[in-house]
Amino acid sequence: MATPIRPGNLALTLVALSCAVLIARRATAERRTSAVDLSRDHHVVAGTDTAPETAPRLQDAIGVYKVKNLAGKTVPLIVEGQPTIVMINSRTCSWCKKSLKDIGELSEGRALPRLTVLTLEGAAEGEPMLAKEKIVGATLVGPAGPSEQVLLTFRNAGTPTFIAVDRNGRVVRTMPGYPIREELKFWHAVMLGEAEVP
């Protein structure tokens, strides 16, 4: 005689199967869109002031080129011709909030025209985070759509991730994770427009 399936056991089984499917999908996506290792793949060395021709363009490194701004308009991720720091951010990331707090304190109200904050949940989700820390002059953007959001989530090491881009649109340095204040000062100089590279 077969044992009847209890509703509680069925729910647990369905949750376990759903988790297994999600883990398999993530593993497959990671194999297809592996993160770019700049040192291994492109010989980019931290602290170099000009990216070699083999260094990836920003869109190749992170997987997206077009993003949406606060007005919902699709725009390029960066303006070529000027060095830029791109911060990949998430509203649920406590280390992102800590990084933004440090950036706000270093800025002391000065505008950051060369900082682009790419918030995974959308530009509007990043706006209150910057406002709380009194960060002004930065460009706020979000993924252009759901597929770009998934690609950014799976392709990048995590949040926050800071990416230094030279005036030719090539990645010169990356910094995944929370930067210590002394290191952040070098990146902040680029955000202000006072330096070309961190």
C-alpha atoms as a PDB file:
ATOM      1  CA  MET A   1       0.000   0.000   0.000  1.00  0.00           C
ATOM      2  CA  ALA A   2       1.387   3.401  -1.011  1.00  0.00           C
ATOM      3  CA  THR A   3       1.999   6.031   1.630  1.00  0.00           C
ATOM      4  CA  PRO A   4      -0.097   9.166   1.033  1.00  0.00           C
ATOM      5  CA  ILE A   5       1.827  12.363   0.353  1.00  0.00           C
ATOM      6  CA  ARG A   6       1.278  14.895   3.088  1.00  0.00           C
ATOM      7  CA  PRO A   7       0.888  18.552   2.046  1.00  0.00           C
ATOM      8  CA  GLY A   8       3.908  19.556   4.176  1.00  0.00           C
ATOM      9  CA  ASN A   9       6.151  16.954   2.536  1.00  0.00           C
ATOM     10  CA  LEU A  10       4.978  17.958  -0.933  1.00  0.00           C
ATOM     11  CA  ALA A  11       5.805  21.611  -0.245  1.00  0.00           C
ATOM     12  CA  LEU A  12       9.313  20.720   0.964  1.00  0.00           C
ATOM     13  CA  THR A  13       9.881  18.527  -2.079  1.00  0.00           C
ATOM     14  CA  LEU A  14       8.781  21.307  -4.439  1.00  0.00           C
ATOM     15  CA  VAL A  15      11.051  23.837  -2.691  1.00  0.00           C
ATOM     16  CA  ALA A  16      14.009  21.444  -2.935  1.00  0.00           C
ATOM     17  CA  LEU A  17      13.361  20.851  -6.635  1.00  0.00           C
ATOM     18  CA  SER A  18      13.055  24.591  -7.299  1.00  0.00           C
ATOM     19  CA  CYS A  19      16.369  25.244  -5.544  1.00  0.00           C
ATOM     20  CA  ALA A  20      18.063  22.498  -7.546  1.00  0.00           C
ATOM     21  CA  VAL A  21      16.788  23.999 -10.811  1.00  0.00           C
ATOM     22  CA  LEU A  22      17.956  27.514  -9.831  1.00  0.00           C
ATOM     23  CA  ILE A  23      21.405  26.248  -8.846  1.00  0.00           C
ATOM     24  CA  ALA A  24      21.730  24.344 -12.143  1.00  0.00           C
ATOM     25  CA  ARG A  25      20.650  27.419 -14.141  1.00  0.00           C
ATOM     26  CA  ARG A  26      23.143  29.648 -12.319  1.00  0.00           C
ATOM     27  CA  ALA A  27      25.976  27.179 -12.887  1.00  0.00           C
ATOM     28  CA  THR A  28      25.110  26.999 -16.596  1.00  0.00           C
ATOM     29  CA  ALA A  29      24.945  30.811 -16.873  1.00  0.00           C
ATOM     30  CA  GLU A  30      28.300  31.170 -15.084  1.00  0.00           C
ATOM     31  CA  ARG A  31      29.952  28.752 -17.512  1.00  0.00           C
ATOM     32  CA  ARG A  32      28.583  30.700 -20.489  1.00  0.00           C
ATOM     33  CA  THR A  33      29.312  34.192 -19.140  1.00  0.00           C
ATOM     34  CA  SER A  34      32.336  33.863 -16.912  1.00  0.00           C
ATOM     35  CA  ALA A  35      33.721  36.944 -15.242  1.00  0.00           C
ATOM     36  CA  VAL A  36      36.590  38.663 -16.988  1.00  0.00           C
ATOM     37  CA  ASP A  37      39.910  38.250 -15.188  1.00  0.00           C
ATOM     38  CA  LEU A  38      41.787  41.315 -16.383  1.00  0.00           C
ATOM     39  CA  SER A  39      45.212  40.156 -15.200  1.00  0.00           C
ATOM     40  CA  ARG A  40      44.912  36.654 -16.654  1.00  0.00           C
ATOM     41  CA  ASP A  41      42.944  37.391 -19.821  1.00  0.00           C
ATOM     42  CA  HIS A  42      44.179  40.832 -20.829  1.00  0.00           C
ATOM     43  CA  HIS A  43      47.405  41.502 -18.879  1.00  0.00           C
ATOM     44  CA  VAL A  44      45.944  44.635 -17.255  1.00  0.00           C
ATOM     45  CA  VAL A  45      48.009  45.517 -14.214  1.00  0.00           C
ATOM     46  CA  ALA A  46      46.610  47.548 -11.346  1.00  0.00           C
ATOM     47  CA  GLY A  47      47.935  51.092 -11.440  1.00  0.00           C
ATOM     48  CA  THR A  48      48.650  51.301 -15.177  1.00  0.00           C
ATOM     49  CA  ASP A  49      47.600  54.638 -16.602  1.00  0.00           C
ATOM     50  CA  THR A  50      46.690  53.472 -20.069  1.00  0.00           C
ATOM     51  CA  ALA A  51      44.971  50.223 -20.895  1.00  0.00           C
ATOM     52  CA  PRO A  52      46.702  48.214 -23.600  1.00  0.00           C
ATOM     53  CA  GLU A  53      44.796  47.500 -26.798  1.00  0.00           C
ATOM     54  CA  THR A  54      44.147  43.973 -25.517  1.00  0.00           C
ATOM     55  CA  ALA A  55      42.266  45.287 -22.470  1.00  0.00           C
ATOM     56  CA  PRO A  56      38.515  44.847 -22.774  1.00  0.00           C
ATOM     57  CA  ARG A  57      36.158  47.662 -23.511  1.00  0.00           C
ATOM     58  CA  LEU A  58      33.794  48.196 -20.589  1.00  0.00           C
ATOM     59  CA  GLN A  59      30.774  46.632 -22.284  1.00  0.00           C
ATOM     60  CA  ASP A  60      32.777  43.482 -23.069  1.00  0.00           C
ATOM     61  CA  ALA A  61      34.004  43.205 -19.481  1.00  0.00           C
ATOM     62  CA  ILE A  62      30.608  43.519 -17.794  1.00  0.00           C
ATOM     63  CA  GLY A  63      28.328  42.318 -20.582  1.00  0.00           C
ATOM     64  CA  VAL A  64      26.174  45.416 -21.148  1.00  0.00           C
ATOM     65  CA  TYR A  65      26.539  48.627 -23.130  1.00  0.00           C
ATOM     66  CA  LYS A  66      23.113  50.273 -22.928  1.00  0.00           C
ATOM     67  CA  VAL A  67      21.478  51.191 -19.631  1.00  0.00           C
ATOM     68  CA  LYS A  68      18.474  53.211 -18.502  1.00  0.00           C
ATOM     69  CA  ASN A  69      18.830  56.536 -16.738  1.00  0.00           C
ATOM     70  CA  LEU A  70      16.497  58.049 -14.120  1.00  0.00           C
ATOM     71  CA  ALA A  71      14.127  59.294 -16.838  1.00  0.00           C
ATOM     72  CA  GLY A  72      13.821  55.742 -18.206  1.00  0.00           C
ATOM     73  CA  LYS A  73      15.703  56.651 -21.382  1.00  0.00           C
ATOM     74  CA  THR A  74      18.153  54.095 -22.834  1.00  0.00           C
ATOM     75  CA  VAL A  75      21.661  55.595 -22.901  1.00  0.00           C
ATOM     76  CA  PRO A  76      25.283  54.388 -23.248  1.00  0.00           C
ATOM     77  CA  LEU A  77      26.814  53.223 -19.963  1.00  0.00           C
ATOM     78  CA  ILE A  78      29.678  55.727 -20.163  1.00  0.00           C
ATOM     79  CA  VAL A  79      30.631  58.799 -22.137  1.00  0.00           C
ATOM     80  CA  GLU A  80      33.756  57.969 -24.090  1.00  0.00           C
ATOM     81  CA  GLY A  81      36.523  60.529 -24.041  1.00  0.00           C
ATOM     82  CA  GLN A  82      36.641  60.910 -20.272  1.00  0.00           C
ATOM     83  CA  PRO A  83      37.920  58.581 -17.562  1.00  0.00           C
ATOM     84  CA  THR A  84      35.073  57.168 -15.491  1.00  0.00           C
ATOM     85  CA  ILE A  85      34.579  55.082 -12.378  1.00  0.00           C
ATOM     86  CA  VAL A  86      31.622  52.697 -12.655  1.00  0.00           C
ATOM     87  CA  MET A  87      30.255  51.323  -9.389  1.00  0.00           C
ATOM     88  CA  ILE A  88      28.028  48.254  -9.668  1.00  0.00           C
ATOM     89  CA  ASN A  89      25.607  48.686  -6.787  1.00  0.00           C
ATOM     90  CA  SER A  90      22.591  46.969  -5.230  1.00  0.00           C
ATOM     91  CA  ARG A  91      20.027  48.429  -2.861  1.00  0.00           C
ATOM     92  CA  THR A  92      20.211  45.284  -0.691  1.00  0.00           C
ATOM     93  CA  CYS A  93      24.016  45.381  -0.368  1.00  0.00           C
ATOM     94  CA  SER A  94      25.242  46.617   3.014  1.00  0.00           C
ATOM     95  CA  TRP A  95      28.823  47.005   1.701  1.00  0.00           C
ATOM     96  CA  CYS A  96      27.521  49.195  -1.136  1.00  0.00           C
ATOM     97  CA  LYS A  97      25.869  51.442   1.446  1.00  0.00           C
ATOM     98  CA  LYS A  98      29.104  51.602   3.450  1.00  0.00           C
ATOM     99  CA  SER A  99      31.091  52.423   0.287  1.00  0.00           C
ATOM    100  CA  LEU A 100      28.639  55.190  -0.636  1.00  0.00           C
ATOM    101  CA  LYS A 101      28.880  56.584   2.891  1.00  0.00           C
ATOM    102  CA  ASP A 102      32.676  56.750   2.567  1.00  0.00           C
ATOM    103  CA  ILE A 103      32.407  58.369  -0.878  1.00  0.00           C
ATOM    104  CA  GLY A 104      29.979  60.957   0.522  1.00  0.00           C
ATOM    105  CA  GLU A 105      32.324  61.777   3.399  1.00  0.00           C
ATOM    106  CA  LEU A 106      35.320  62.110   1.066  1.00  0.00           C
ATOM    107  CA  SER A 107      33.322  64.340  -1.302  1.00  0.00           C
ATOM    108  CA  GLU A 108      32.185  66.848   1.323  1.00  0.00           C
ATOM    109  CA  GLY A 109      29.451  68.083  -1.052  1.00  0.00           C
ATOM    110  CA  ARG A 110      31.675  68.324  -4.140  1.00  0.00           C
ATOM    111  CA  ALA A 111      30.164  67.001  -7.386  1.00  0.00           C
ATOM    112  CA  LEU A 112      31.376  63.667  -8.766  1.00  0.00           C
ATOM    113  CA  PRO A 113      30.944  64.062 -12.543  1.00  0.00           C
ATOM    114  CA  ARG A 114      33.010  60.979 -13.369  1.00  0.00           C
ATOM    115  CA  LEU A 115      31.157  58.509 -11.172  1.00  0.00           C
ATOM    116  CA  THR A 116      28.503  56.289 -12.741  1.00  0.00           C
ATOM    117  CA  VAL A 117      26.460  54.218 -10.284  1.00  0.00           C
ATOM    118  CA  LEU A 118      24.884  51.203 -11.979  1.00  0.00           C
ATOM    119  CA  THR A 119      22.242  49.878  -9.577  1.00  0.00           C
ATOM    120  CA  LEU A 120      21.105  46.336 -10.373  1.00  0.00           C
ATOM    121  CA  GLU A 121      17.488  47.052  -9.389  1.00  0.00           C
ATOM    122  CA  GLY A 122      17.323  50.201 -11.545  1.00  0.00           C
ATOM    123  CA  ALA A 123      18.449  53.826 -11.422  1.00  0.00           C
ATOM    124  CA  ALA A 124      15.478  54.910  -9.283  1.00  0.00           C
ATOM    125  CA  GLU A 125      16.518  52.423  -6.570  1.00  0.00           C
ATOM    126  CA  GLY A 126      19.993  53.976  -6.413  1.00  0.00           C
ATOM    127  CA  GLU A 127      18.756  57.563  -6.124  1.00  0.00           C
ATOM    128  CA  PRO A 128      17.793  57.476  -2.411  1.00  0.00           C
ATOM    129  CA  MET A 129      21.055  55.695  -1.580  1.00  0.00           C
ATOM    130  CA  LEU A 130      23.095  58.573  -3.048  1.00  0.00           C
ATOM    131  CA  ALA A 131      20.795  61.232  -1.613  1.00  0.00           C
ATOM    132  CA  LYS A 132      21.207  59.782   1.893  1.00  0.00           C
ATOM    133  CA  GLU A 133      24.994  60.211   1.653  1.00  0.00           C
ATOM    134  CA  LYS A 134      24.715  63.650  -0.027  1.00  0.00           C
ATOM    135  CA  ILE A 135      26.475  62.448  -3.191  1.00  0.00           C
ATOM    136  CA  VAL A 136      25.857  64.887  -6.038  1.00  0.00           C
ATOM    137  CA  GLY A 137      26.839  65.080  -9.691  1.00  0.00           C
ATOM    138  CA  ALA A 138      27.072  61.313 -10.228  1.00  0.00           C
ATOM    139  CA  THR A 139      25.279  59.571 -13.092  1.00  0.00           C
ATOM    140  CA  LEU A 140      22.615  57.098 -11.955  1.00  0.00           C
ATOM    141  CA  VAL A 141      21.729  54.209 -14.267  1.00  0.00           C
ATOM    142  CA  GLY A 142      20.204  50.751 -14.158  1.00  0.00           C
ATOM    143  CA  PRO A 143      19.991  47.721 -16.446  1.00  0.00           C
ATOM    144  CA  ALA A 144      18.139  48.333 -19.728  1.00  0.00           C
ATOM    145  CA  GLY A 145      15.903  45.326 -19.086  1.00  0.00           C
ATOM    146  CA  PRO A 146      15.488  42.029 -17.218  1.00  0.00           C
ATOM    147  CA  SER A 147      17.984  40.110 -19.358  1.00  0.00           C
ATOM    148  CA  GLU A 148      20.671  42.753 -18.723  1.00  0.00           C
ATOM    149  CA  GLN A 149      19.905  42.610 -14.999  1.00  0.00           C
ATOM    150  CA  VAL A 150      20.385  38.825 -14.964  1.00  0.00           C
ATOM    151  CA  LEU A 151      23.581  39.113 -17.015  1.00  0.00           C
ATOM    152  CA  LEU A 152      25.043  41.726 -14.644  1.00  0.00           C
ATOM    153  CA  THR A 153      24.088  39.640 -11.609  1.00  0.00           C
ATOM    154  CA  PHE A 154      25.726  36.452 -12.872  1.00  0.00           C
ATOM    155  CA  ARG A 155      28.705  37.881 -14.747  1.00  0.00           C
ATOM    156  CA  ASN A 156      30.141  40.099 -12.036  1.00  0.00           C
ATOM    157  CA  ALA A 157      31.886  39.074  -8.858  1.00  0.00           C
ATOM    158  CA  GLY A 158      29.348  40.828  -6.634  1.00  0.00           C
ATOM    159  CA  THR A 159      28.488  44.206  -5.239  1.00  0.00           C
ATOM    160  CA  PRO A 160      30.008  46.607  -4.848  1.00  0.00           C
ATOM    161  CA  THR A 161      32.377  46.332  -7.786  1.00  0.00           C
ATOM    162  CA  PHE A 162      34.349  49.377  -8.906  1.00  0.00           C
ATOM    163  CA  ILE A 163      35.634  49.579 -12.479  1.00  0.00           C
ATOM    164  CA  ALA A 164      38.073  52.249 -13.715  1.00  0.00           C
ATOM    165  CA  VAL A 165      37.655  53.049 -17.417  1.00  0.00           C
ATOM    166  CA  ASP A 166      40.130  55.150 -19.396  1.00  0.00           C
ATOM    167  CA  ARG A 167      39.204  57.855 -21.911  1.00  0.00           C
ATOM    168  CA  ASN A 168      39.182  55.213 -24.686  1.00  0.00           C
ATOM    169  CA  GLY A 169      36.497  53.167 -22.935  1.00  0.00           C
ATOM    170  CA  ARG A 170      38.919  50.428 -21.878  1.00  0.00           C
ATOM    171  CA  VAL A 171      39.048  48.916 -18.394  1.00  0.00           C
ATOM    172  CA  VAL A 172      42.275  49.830 -16.584  1.00  0.00           C
ATOM    173  CA  ARG A 173      41.458  48.461 -13.152  1.00  0.00           C
ATOM    174  CA  THR A 174      38.746  46.651 -11.208  1.00  0.00           C
ATOM    175  CA  MET A 175      38.116  46.420  -7.497  1.00  0.00           C
ATOM    176  CA  PRO A 176      35.467  43.932  -6.340  1.00  0.00           C
ATOM    177  CA  GLY A 177      34.206  44.369  -2.809  1.00  0.00           C
ATOM    178  CA  TYR A 178      34.402  47.075  -0.188  1.00  0.00           C
ATOM    179  CA  PRO A 179      37.481  49.285  -0.610  1.00  0.00           C
ATOM    180  CA  ILE A 180      39.387  50.465   2.438  1.00  0.00           C
ATOM    181  CA  ARG A 181      39.346  54.247   2.829  1.00  0.00           C
ATOM    182  CA  GLU A 182      43.000  54.724   1.826  1.00  0.00           C
ATOM    183  CA  GLU A 183      42.451  52.848  -1.456  1.00  0.00           C
ATOM    184  CA  LEU A 184      39.131  54.584  -2.102  1.00  0.00           C
ATOM    185  CA  LYS A 185      40.886  57.985  -2.032  1.00  0.00           C
ATOM    186  CA  PHE A 186      42.677  57.128  -5.306  1.00  0.00           C
ATOM    187  CA  TRP A 187      39.400  56.120  -6.971  1.00  0.00           C
ATOM    188  CA  HIS A 188      37.687  59.211  -5.561  1.00  0.00           C
ATOM    189  CA  ALA A 189      40.209  61.469  -7.293  1.00  0.00           C
ATOM    190  CA  VAL A 190      39.028  60.060 -10.645  1.00  0.00           C
ATOM    191  CA  MET A 191      35.374  60.516  -9.633  1.00  0.00           C
ATOM    192  CA  LEU A 192      36.116  64.198  -8.978  1.00  0.00           C
ATOM    193  CA  GLY A 193      37.916  64.587 -12.317  1.00  0.00           C
ATOM    194  CA  GLU A 194      41.270  65.290 -10.614  1.00  0.00           C
ATOM    195  CA  ALA A 195      43.021  62.128 -11.870  1.00  0.00           C
ATOM    196  CA  GLU A 196      42.946  59.916 -14.953  1.00  0.00           C
ATOM    197  CA  VAL A 197      43.304  56.547 -13.173  1.00  0.00           C
ATOM    198  CA  PRO A 198      43.175  55.370  -9.542  1.00  0.00           C
END
